[in-house]
Amino acid sequence: AVGIAQRLGVSQLVVGLTVVAMGTSAPEVAASIASALGG
């Protein structure tokens, strides 16, 4: 995600504040969705 943002000229600061935080939260997203699907 950061690489694409760099190629598209998006601010590194904006990417770090949004994509990095969301990226490190991605495991929680995946694990909680899998748990919800499993009841």
Full PDB file with SEQRES, HELIX, SHEET, SSBOND, CRYST1, ORIGX, SCALE, CONECT and MASTER records, all heavy atoms in Angstrom:
SEQRES   1 A   39  ALA VAL GLY ILE ALA GLN ARG LEU GLY VAL SER GLN LEU          
SEQRES   2 A   39  VAL VAL GLY LEU THR VAL VAL ALA MET GLY THR SER ALA          
SEQRES   3 A   39  PRO GLU VAL ALA ALA SER ILE ALA SER ALA LEU GLY GLY          
HELIX    1 AA1 VAL A    2  ARG A    7  1                                   6    
HELIX    2 AA2 GLN A   12  VAL A   15  1                                   4    
HELIX    3 AA3 GLY A   16  VAL A   20  3                                   5    
HELIX    4 AA4 ALA A   21  LEU A   37  1                                  17    
CRYST1    1.000    1.000    1.000  90.00  90.00  90.00 P 1           1          
ORIGX1      1.000000  0.000000  0.000000        0.00000                         
ORIGX2      0.000000  1.000000  0.000000        0.00000                         
ORIGX3      0.000000  0.000000  1.000000        0.00000                         
SCALE1      1.000000  0.000000  0.000000        0.00000                         
SCALE2      0.000000  1.000000  0.000000        0.00000                         
SCALE3      0.000000  0.000000  1.000000        0.00000                         
ATOM      1  N   ALA A   1       0.821  -1.210   0.000  1.00  0.00           N  
ATOM      2  CA  ALA A   1       0.000   0.000   0.000  1.00  0.00           C  
ATOM      3  C   ALA A   1       0.855   1.261   0.000  1.00  0.00           C  
ATOM      4  O   ALA A   1       0.579   2.224  -0.715  1.00  0.00           O  
ATOM      5  CB  ALA A   1      -0.925  -0.012   1.213  1.00  0.00           C  
ATOM      6  N   VAL A   2       1.927   1.250   0.816  1.00  0.00           N  
ATOM      7  CA  VAL A   2       2.823   2.405   0.847  1.00  0.00           C  
ATOM      8  C   VAL A   2       3.507   2.576  -0.495  1.00  0.00           C  
ATOM      9  O   VAL A   2       3.676   3.697  -0.997  1.00  0.00           O  
ATOM     10  CB  VAL A   2       3.870   2.248   1.973  1.00  0.00           C  
ATOM     11  CG1 VAL A   2       4.951   3.321   1.870  1.00  0.00           C  
ATOM     12  CG2 VAL A   2       3.199   2.329   3.336  1.00  0.00           C  
ATOM     13  N   GLY A   3       3.900   1.462  -1.126  1.00  0.00           N  
ATOM     14  CA  GLY A   3       4.551   1.536  -2.430  1.00  0.00           C  
ATOM     15  C   GLY A   3       3.657   2.148  -3.487  1.00  0.00           C  
ATOM     16  O   GLY A   3       4.087   2.995  -4.278  1.00  0.00           O  
ATOM     17  N   ILE A   4       2.384   1.727  -3.520  1.00  0.00           N  
ATOM     18  CA  ILE A   4       1.446   2.295  -4.483  1.00  0.00           C  
ATOM     19  C   ILE A   4       1.259   3.783  -4.223  1.00  0.00           C  
ATOM     20  O   ILE A   4       1.213   4.598  -5.153  1.00  0.00           O  
ATOM     21  CB  ILE A   4       0.093   1.557  -4.413  1.00  0.00           C  
ATOM     22  CG1 ILE A   4       0.222   0.177  -5.060  1.00  0.00           C  
ATOM     23  CG2 ILE A   4      -1.008   2.363  -5.105  1.00  0.00           C  
ATOM     24  CD1 ILE A   4      -1.046  -0.620  -5.056  1.00  0.00           C  
ATOM     25  N   ALA A   5       1.151   4.140  -2.946  1.00  0.00           N  
ATOM     26  CA  ALA A   5       0.993   5.559  -2.604  1.00  0.00           C  
ATOM     27  C   ALA A   5       2.190   6.369  -3.071  1.00  0.00           C  
ATOM     28  O   ALA A   5       2.037   7.480  -3.588  1.00  0.00           O  
ATOM     29  CB  ALA A   5       0.811   5.697  -1.094  1.00  0.00           C  
ATOM     30  N   GLN A   6       3.379   5.814  -2.911  1.00  0.00           N  
ATOM     31  CA  GLN A   6       4.577   6.512  -3.369  1.00  0.00           C  
ATOM     32  C   GLN A   6       4.554   6.703  -4.879  1.00  0.00           C  
ATOM     33  O   GLN A   6       4.885   7.780  -5.384  1.00  0.00           O  
ATOM     34  CB  GLN A   6       5.827   5.729  -2.952  1.00  0.00           C  
ATOM     35  CG  GLN A   6       6.096   5.765  -1.454  1.00  0.00           C  
ATOM     36  CD  GLN A   6       7.268   4.891  -1.070  1.00  0.00           C  
ATOM     37  OE1 GLN A   6       7.631   3.959  -1.798  1.00  0.00           O  
ATOM     38  NE2 GLN A   6       7.862   5.161   0.081  1.00  0.00           N  
ATOM     39  N   ARG A   7       4.169   5.654  -5.595  1.00  0.00           N  
ATOM     40  CA  ARG A   7       4.132   5.729  -7.059  1.00  0.00           C  
ATOM     41  C   ARG A   7       3.106   6.734  -7.532  1.00  0.00           C  
ATOM     42  O   ARG A   7       3.278   7.370  -8.565  1.00  0.00           O  
ATOM     43  CB  ARG A   7       3.811   4.354  -7.646  1.00  0.00           C  
ATOM     44  CG  ARG A   7       4.844   3.288  -7.353  1.00  0.00           C  
ATOM     45  CD  ARG A   7       6.134   3.500  -8.091  1.00  0.00           C  
ATOM     46  NE  ARG A   7       5.935   3.375  -9.533  1.00  0.00           N  
ATOM     47  CZ  ARG A   7       6.890   3.521 -10.440  1.00  0.00           C  
ATOM     48  NH1 ARG A   7       8.115   3.834 -10.045  1.00  0.00           N  
ATOM     49  NH2 ARG A   7       6.639   3.392 -11.723  1.00  0.00           N  
ATOM     50  N   LEU A   8       2.026   6.882  -6.746  1.00  0.00           N  
ATOM     51  CA  LEU A   8       0.965   7.817  -7.125  1.00  0.00           C  
ATOM     52  C   LEU A   8       1.212   9.220  -6.581  1.00  0.00           C  
ATOM     53  O   LEU A   8       0.407  10.127  -6.807  1.00  0.00           O  
ATOM     54  CB  LEU A   8      -0.394   7.301  -6.636  1.00  0.00           C  
ATOM     55  CG  LEU A   8      -0.849   5.965  -7.241  1.00  0.00           C  
ATOM     56  CD1 LEU A   8      -2.170   5.529  -6.633  1.00  0.00           C  
ATOM     57  CD2 LEU A   8      -0.967   6.080  -8.759  1.00  0.00           C  
ATOM     58  N   GLY A   9       2.296   9.398  -5.848  1.00  0.00           N  
ATOM     59  CA  GLY A   9       2.641  10.727  -5.355  1.00  0.00           C  
ATOM     60  C   GLY A   9       1.882  11.167  -4.124  1.00  0.00           C  
ATOM     61  O   GLY A   9       1.813  12.357  -3.830  1.00  0.00           O  
ATOM     62  N   VAL A  10       1.316  10.217  -3.358  1.00  0.00           N  
ATOM     63  CA  VAL A  10       0.606  10.564  -2.129  1.00  0.00           C  
ATOM     64  C   VAL A  10       1.625  10.822  -1.028  1.00  0.00           C  
ATOM     65  O   VAL A  10       2.672  10.173  -0.967  1.00  0.00           O  
ATOM     66  CB  VAL A  10      -0.343   9.430  -1.709  1.00  0.00           C  
ATOM     67  CG1 VAL A  10      -1.072   9.770  -0.418  1.00  0.00           C  
ATOM     68  CG2 VAL A  10      -1.336   9.144  -2.824  1.00  0.00           C  
ATOM     69  N   SER A  11       1.354  11.786  -0.151  1.00  0.00           N  
ATOM     70  CA  SER A  11       2.256  12.145   0.928  1.00  0.00           C  
ATOM     71  C   SER A  11       2.622  10.937   1.783  1.00  0.00           C  
ATOM     72  O   SER A  11       1.760  10.158   2.188  1.00  0.00           O  
ATOM     73  CB  SER A  11       1.610  13.220   1.812  1.00  0.00           C  
ATOM     74  OG  SER A  11       2.320  13.362   3.014  1.00  0.00           O  
ATOM     75  N   GLN A  12       3.922  10.795   2.072  1.00  0.00           N  
ATOM     76  CA  GLN A  12       4.374   9.727   2.962  1.00  0.00           C  
ATOM     77  C   GLN A  12       3.741   9.861   4.350  1.00  0.00           C  
ATOM     78  O   GLN A  12       3.426   8.862   4.996  1.00  0.00           O  
ATOM     79  CB  GLN A  12       5.899   9.789   3.094  1.00  0.00           C  
ATOM     80  CG  GLN A  12       6.650   9.200   1.920  1.00  0.00           C  
ATOM     81  CD  GLN A  12       6.527   7.693   1.896  1.00  0.00           C  
ATOM     82  OE1 GLN A  12       6.820   7.021   2.880  1.00  0.00           O  
ATOM     83  NE2 GLN A  12       6.091   7.158   0.771  1.00  0.00           N  
ATOM     84  N   LEU A  13       3.557  11.086   4.785  1.00  0.00           N  
ATOM     85  CA  LEU A  13       2.974  11.313   6.103  1.00  0.00           C  
ATOM     86  C   LEU A  13       1.543  10.799   6.160  1.00  0.00           C  
ATOM     87  O   LEU A  13       1.153  10.088   7.092  1.00  0.00           O  
ATOM     88  CB  LEU A  13       3.005  12.810   6.436  1.00  0.00           C  
ATOM     89  CG  LEU A  13       2.481  13.219   7.808  1.00  0.00           C  
ATOM     90  CD1 LEU A  13       3.258  12.522   8.903  1.00  0.00           C  
ATOM     91  CD2 LEU A  13       2.566  14.725   7.975  1.00  0.00           C  
ATOM     92  N   VAL A  14       0.762  11.145   5.137  1.00  0.00           N  
ATOM     93  CA  VAL A  14      -0.633  10.695   5.102  1.00  0.00           C  
ATOM     94  C   VAL A  14      -0.700   9.179   5.048  1.00  0.00           C  
ATOM     95  O   VAL A  14      -1.501   8.552   5.748  1.00  0.00           O  
ATOM     96  CB  VAL A  14      -1.365  11.309   3.891  1.00  0.00           C  
ATOM     97  CG1 VAL A  14      -2.759  10.721   3.749  1.00  0.00           C  
ATOM     98  CG2 VAL A  14      -1.435  12.820   4.015  1.00  0.00           C  
ATOM     99  N   VAL A  15       0.169   8.570   4.248  1.00  0.00           N  
ATOM    100  CA  VAL A  15       0.178   7.110   4.128  1.00  0.00           C  
ATOM    101  C   VAL A  15       0.536   6.462   5.459  1.00  0.00           C  
ATOM    102  O   VAL A  15      -0.083   5.495   5.888  1.00  0.00           O  
ATOM    103  CB  VAL A  15       1.178   6.665   3.040  1.00  0.00           C  
ATOM    104  CG1 VAL A  15       1.336   5.157   3.040  1.00  0.00           C  
ATOM    105  CG2 VAL A  15       0.711   7.133   1.678  1.00  0.00           C  
ATOM    106  N   GLY A  16       1.543   7.028   6.135  1.00  0.00           N  
ATOM    107  CA  GLY A  16       1.951   6.456   7.401  1.00  0.00           C  
ATOM    108  C   GLY A  16       0.879   6.536   8.468  1.00  0.00           C  
ATOM    109  O   GLY A  16       0.689   5.601   9.250  1.00  0.00           O  
ATOM    110  N   LEU A  17       0.147   7.642   8.487  1.00  0.00           N  
ATOM    111  CA  LEU A  17      -0.876   7.844   9.508  1.00  0.00           C  
ATOM    112  C   LEU A  17      -2.131   7.019   9.265  1.00  0.00           C  
ATOM    113  O   LEU A  17      -2.900   6.780  10.201  1.00  0.00           O  
ATOM    114  CB  LEU A  17      -1.262   9.331   9.575  1.00  0.00           C  
ATOM    115  CG  LEU A  17      -0.143  10.288   9.997  1.00  0.00           C  
ATOM    116  CD1 LEU A  17      -0.579  11.729   9.847  1.00  0.00           C  
ATOM    117  CD2 LEU A  17       0.266   9.998  11.422  1.00  0.00           C  
ATOM    118  N   THR A  18      -2.342   6.627   8.028  1.00  0.00           N  
ATOM    119  CA  THR A  18      -3.563   5.882   7.711  1.00  0.00           C  
ATOM    120  C   THR A  18      -3.265   4.426   7.370  1.00  0.00           C  
ATOM    121  O   THR A  18      -3.700   3.514   8.073  1.00  0.00           O  
ATOM    122  CB  THR A  18      -4.299   6.551   6.540  1.00  0.00           C  
ATOM    123  OG1 THR A  18      -3.398   6.684   5.424  1.00  0.00           O  
ATOM    124  CG2 THR A  18      -4.797   7.931   6.940  1.00  0.00           C  
ATOM    125  N   VAL A  19      -2.480   4.194   6.323  1.00  0.00           N  
ATOM    126  CA  VAL A  19      -2.240   2.840   5.845  1.00  0.00           C  
ATOM    127  C   VAL A  19      -1.469   2.013   6.865  1.00  0.00           C  
ATOM    128  O   VAL A  19      -1.784   0.844   7.098  1.00  0.00           O  
ATOM    129  CB  VAL A  19      -1.484   2.859   4.492  1.00  0.00           C  
ATOM    130  CG1 VAL A  19      -1.187   1.443   4.029  1.00  0.00           C  
ATOM    131  CG2 VAL A  19      -2.296   3.598   3.453  1.00  0.00           C  
ATOM    132  N   VAL A  20      -0.432   2.603   7.493  1.00  0.00           N  
ATOM    133  CA  VAL A  20       0.355   1.834   8.456  1.00  0.00           C  
ATOM    134  C   VAL A  20      -0.514   1.413   9.640  1.00  0.00           C  
ATOM    135  O   VAL A  20      -0.482   0.262  10.073  1.00  0.00           O  
ATOM    136  CB  VAL A  20       1.575   2.645   8.936  1.00  0.00           C  
ATOM    137  CG1 VAL A  20       2.272   1.936  10.089  1.00  0.00           C  
ATOM    138  CG2 VAL A  20       2.551   2.854   7.781  1.00  0.00           C  
ATOM    139  N   ALA A  21      -1.303   2.345  10.173  1.00  0.00           N  
ATOM    140  CA  ALA A  21      -2.171   2.011  11.305  1.00  0.00           C  
ATOM    141  C   ALA A  21      -3.207   0.968  10.901  1.00  0.00           C  
ATOM    142  O   ALA A  21      -3.482   0.021  11.648  1.00  0.00           O  
ATOM    143  CB  ALA A  21      -2.863   3.265  11.833  1.00  0.00           C  
ATOM    144  N   MET A  22      -3.794   1.136   9.709  1.00  0.00           N  
ATOM    145  CA  MET A  22      -4.775   0.152   9.249  1.00  0.00           C  
ATOM    146  C   MET A  22      -4.109  -1.186   8.966  1.00  0.00           C  
ATOM    147  O   MET A  22      -4.672  -2.249   9.238  1.00  0.00           O  
ATOM    148  CB  MET A  22      -5.489   0.656   7.996  1.00  0.00           C  
ATOM    149  CG  MET A  22      -6.603   1.627   8.283  1.00  0.00           C  
ATOM    150  SD  MET A  22      -7.607   1.963   6.804  1.00  0.00           S  
ATOM    151  CE  MET A  22      -6.419   2.800   5.775  1.00  0.00           C  
ATOM    152  N   GLY A  23      -2.900  -1.122   8.410  1.00  0.00           N  
ATOM    153  CA  GLY A  23      -2.199  -2.362   8.094  1.00  0.00           C  
ATOM    154  C   GLY A  23      -1.891  -3.183   9.326  1.00  0.00           C  
ATOM    155  O   GLY A  23      -2.063  -4.408   9.329  1.00  0.00           O  
ATOM    156  N   THR A  24      -1.448  -2.525  10.389  1.00  0.00           N  
ATOM    157  CA  THR A  24      -1.159  -3.271  11.620  1.00  0.00           C  
ATOM    158  C   THR A  24      -2.436  -3.728  12.317  1.00  0.00           C  
ATOM    159  O   THR A  24      -2.386  -4.599  13.194  1.00  0.00           O  
ATOM    160  CB  THR A  24      -0.314  -2.420  12.592  1.00  0.00           C  
ATOM    161  OG1 THR A  24      -0.979  -1.184  12.857  1.00  0.00           O  
ATOM    162  CG2 THR A  24       1.059  -2.144  12.010  1.00  0.00           C  
ATOM    163  N   SER A  25      -3.576  -3.146  11.934  1.00  0.00           N  
ATOM    164  CA  SER A  25      -4.863  -3.598  12.471  1.00  0.00           C  
ATOM    165  C   SER A  25      -5.490  -4.676  11.588  1.00  0.00           C  
ATOM    166  O   SER A  25      -6.507  -5.267  11.957  1.00  0.00           O  
ATOM    167  CB  SER A  25      -5.849  -2.416  12.580  1.00  0.00           C  
ATOM    168  OG  SER A  25      -5.426  -1.494  13.550  1.00  0.00           O  
ATOM    169  N   ALA A  26      -4.876  -4.934  10.431  1.00  0.00           N  
ATOM    170  CA  ALA A  26      -5.433  -5.921   9.501  1.00  0.00           C  
ATOM    171  C   ALA A  26      -5.567  -7.309  10.122  1.00  0.00           C  
ATOM    172  O   ALA A  26      -6.560  -8.004   9.867  1.00  0.00           O  
ATOM    173  CB  ALA A  26      -4.585  -5.974   8.225  1.00  0.00           C  
ATOM    174  N   PRO A  27      -4.606  -7.780  10.944  1.00  0.00           N  
ATOM    175  CA  PRO A  27      -4.805  -9.094  11.564  1.00  0.00           C  
ATOM    176  C   PRO A  27      -6.047  -9.154  12.443  1.00  0.00           C  
ATOM    177  O   PRO A  27      -6.754 -10.166  12.461  1.00  0.00           O  
ATOM    178  CB  PRO A  27      -3.525  -9.268  12.408  1.00  0.00           C  
ATOM    179  CG  PRO A  27      -2.507  -8.442  11.706  1.00  0.00           C  
ATOM    180  CD  PRO A  27      -3.261  -7.239  11.207  1.00  0.00           C  
ATOM    181  N   GLU A  28      -6.320  -8.071  13.184  1.00  0.00           N  
ATOM    182  CA  GLU A  28      -7.528  -8.036  14.002  1.00  0.00           C  
ATOM    183  C   GLU A  28      -8.776  -8.127  13.125  1.00  0.00           C  
ATOM    184  O   GLU A  28      -9.743  -8.809  13.470  1.00  0.00           O  
ATOM    185  CB  GLU A  28      -7.576  -6.754  14.837  1.00  0.00           C  
ATOM    186  CG  GLU A  28      -6.663  -6.758  16.045  1.00  0.00           C  
ATOM    187  CD  GLU A  28      -5.279  -6.227  15.751  1.00  0.00           C  
ATOM    188  OE1 GLU A  28      -4.915  -6.130  14.562  1.00  0.00           O  
ATOM    189  OE2 GLU A  28      -4.541  -5.923  16.682  1.00  0.00           O  
ATOM    190  N   VAL A  29      -8.763  -7.416  11.993  1.00  0.00           N  
ATOM    191  CA  VAL A  29      -9.905  -7.458  11.073  1.00  0.00           C  
ATOM    192  C   VAL A  29     -10.144  -8.888  10.594  1.00  0.00           C  
ATOM    193  O   VAL A  29     -11.258  -9.420  10.671  1.00  0.00           O  
ATOM    194  CB  VAL A  29      -9.684  -6.525   9.862  1.00  0.00           C  
ATOM    195  CG1 VAL A  29     -10.842  -6.667   8.871  1.00  0.00           C  
ATOM    196  CG2 VAL A  29      -9.560  -5.082  10.310  1.00  0.00           C  
ATOM    197  N   ALA A  30      -9.080  -9.515  10.086  1.00  0.00           N  
ATOM    198  CA  ALA A  30      -9.207 -10.862   9.532  1.00  0.00           C  
ATOM    199  C   ALA A  30      -9.620 -11.871  10.603  1.00  0.00           C  
ATOM    200  O   ALA A  30     -10.500 -12.708  10.378  1.00  0.00           O  
ATOM    201  CB  ALA A  30      -7.885 -11.281   8.889  1.00  0.00           C  
ATOM    202  N   ALA A  31      -8.990 -11.796  11.779  1.00  0.00           N  
ATOM    203  CA  ALA A  31      -9.284 -12.763  12.836  1.00  0.00           C  
ATOM    204  C   ALA A  31     -10.703 -12.605  13.363  1.00  0.00           C  
ATOM    205  O   ALA A  31     -11.398 -13.600  13.615  1.00  0.00           O  
ATOM    206  CB  ALA A  31      -8.275 -12.611  13.976  1.00  0.00           C  
ATOM    207  N   SER A  32     -11.157 -11.362  13.536  1.00  0.00           N  
ATOM    208  CA  SER A  32     -12.505 -11.140  14.062  1.00  0.00           C  
ATOM    209  C   SER A  32     -13.572 -11.532  13.049  1.00  0.00           C  
ATOM    210  O   SER A  32     -14.618 -12.074  13.425  1.00  0.00           O  
ATOM    211  CB  SER A  32     -12.679  -9.670  14.483  1.00  0.00           C  
ATOM    212  OG  SER A  32     -11.943  -9.398  15.661  1.00  0.00           O  
ATOM    213  N   ILE A  33     -13.328 -11.267  11.770  1.00  0.00           N  
ATOM    214  CA  ILE A  33     -14.277 -11.685  10.735  1.00  0.00           C  
ATOM    215  C   ILE A  33     -14.372 -13.209  10.702  1.00  0.00           C  
ATOM    216  O   ILE A  33     -15.465 -13.782  10.625  1.00  0.00           O  
ATOM    217  CB  ILE A  33     -13.873 -11.126   9.360  1.00  0.00           C  
ATOM    218  CG1 ILE A  33     -14.149  -9.627   9.295  1.00  0.00           C  
ATOM    219  CG2 ILE A  33     -14.620 -11.851   8.236  1.00  0.00           C  
ATOM    220  CD1 ILE A  33     -13.730  -8.974   8.001  1.00  0.00           C  
ATOM    221  N   ALA A  34     -13.215 -13.877  10.749  1.00  0.00           N  
ATOM    222  CA  ALA A  34     -13.216 -15.339  10.752  1.00  0.00           C  
ATOM    223  C   ALA A  34     -13.960 -15.885  11.975  1.00  0.00           C  
ATOM    224  O   ALA A  34     -14.700 -16.864  11.889  1.00  0.00           O  
ATOM    225  CB  ALA A  34     -11.781 -15.863  10.731  1.00  0.00           C  
ATOM    226  N   SER A  35     -13.786 -15.228  13.124  1.00  0.00           N  
ATOM    227  CA  SER A  35     -14.474 -15.653  14.345  1.00  0.00           C  
ATOM    228  C   SER A  35     -15.977 -15.457  14.222  1.00  0.00           C  
ATOM    229  O   SER A  35     -16.763 -16.319  14.619  1.00  0.00           O  
ATOM    230  CB  SER A  35     -13.942 -14.865  15.548  1.00  0.00           C  
ATOM    231  OG  SER A  35     -12.568 -15.085  15.737  1.00  0.00           O  
ATOM    232  N   ALA A  36     -16.392 -14.302  13.668  1.00  0.00           N  
ATOM    233  CA  ALA A  36     -17.819 -14.035  13.489  1.00  0.00           C  
ATOM    234  C   ALA A  36     -18.439 -15.049  12.535  1.00  0.00           C  
ATOM    235  O   ALA A  36     -19.543 -15.556  12.781  1.00  0.00           O  
ATOM    236  CB  ALA A  36     -18.029 -12.616  12.971  1.00  0.00           C  
ATOM    237  N   LEU A  37     -17.748 -15.358  11.450  1.00  0.00           N  
ATOM    238  CA  LEU A  37     -18.256 -16.337  10.488  1.00  0.00           C  
ATOM    239  C   LEU A  37     -18.405 -17.708  11.140  1.00  0.00           C  
ATOM    240  O   LEU A  37     -19.290 -18.483  10.776  1.00  0.00           O  
ATOM    241  CB  LEU A  37     -17.312 -16.434   9.281  1.00  0.00           C  
ATOM    242  CG  LEU A  37     -17.376 -15.279   8.279  1.00  0.00           C  
ATOM    243  CD1 LEU A  37     -16.274 -15.421   7.238  1.00  0.00           C  
ATOM    244  CD2 LEU A  37     -18.739 -15.238   7.596  1.00  0.00           C  
ATOM    245  N   GLY A  38     -17.530 -18.010  12.082  1.00  0.00           N  
ATOM    246  CA  GLY A  38     -17.588 -19.301  12.772  1.00  0.00           C  
ATOM    247  C   GLY A  38     -18.542 -19.312  13.941  1.00  0.00           C  
ATOM    248  O   GLY A  38     -18.599 -20.292  14.690  1.00  0.00           O  
ATOM    249  N   GLY A  39     -19.292 -18.210  14.116  1.00  0.00           N  
ATOM    250  CA  GLY A  39     -20.250 -18.146  15.208  1.00  0.00           C  
ATOM    251  C   GLY A  39     -19.622 -17.914  16.569  1.00  0.00           C  
ATOM    252  O   GLY A  39     -20.235 -18.194  17.604  1.00  0.00           O  
TER     253      GLY A  39                                                      
MASTER        0    0    0    4    0    0    0    6  252    1    0    3          
END                                                                             
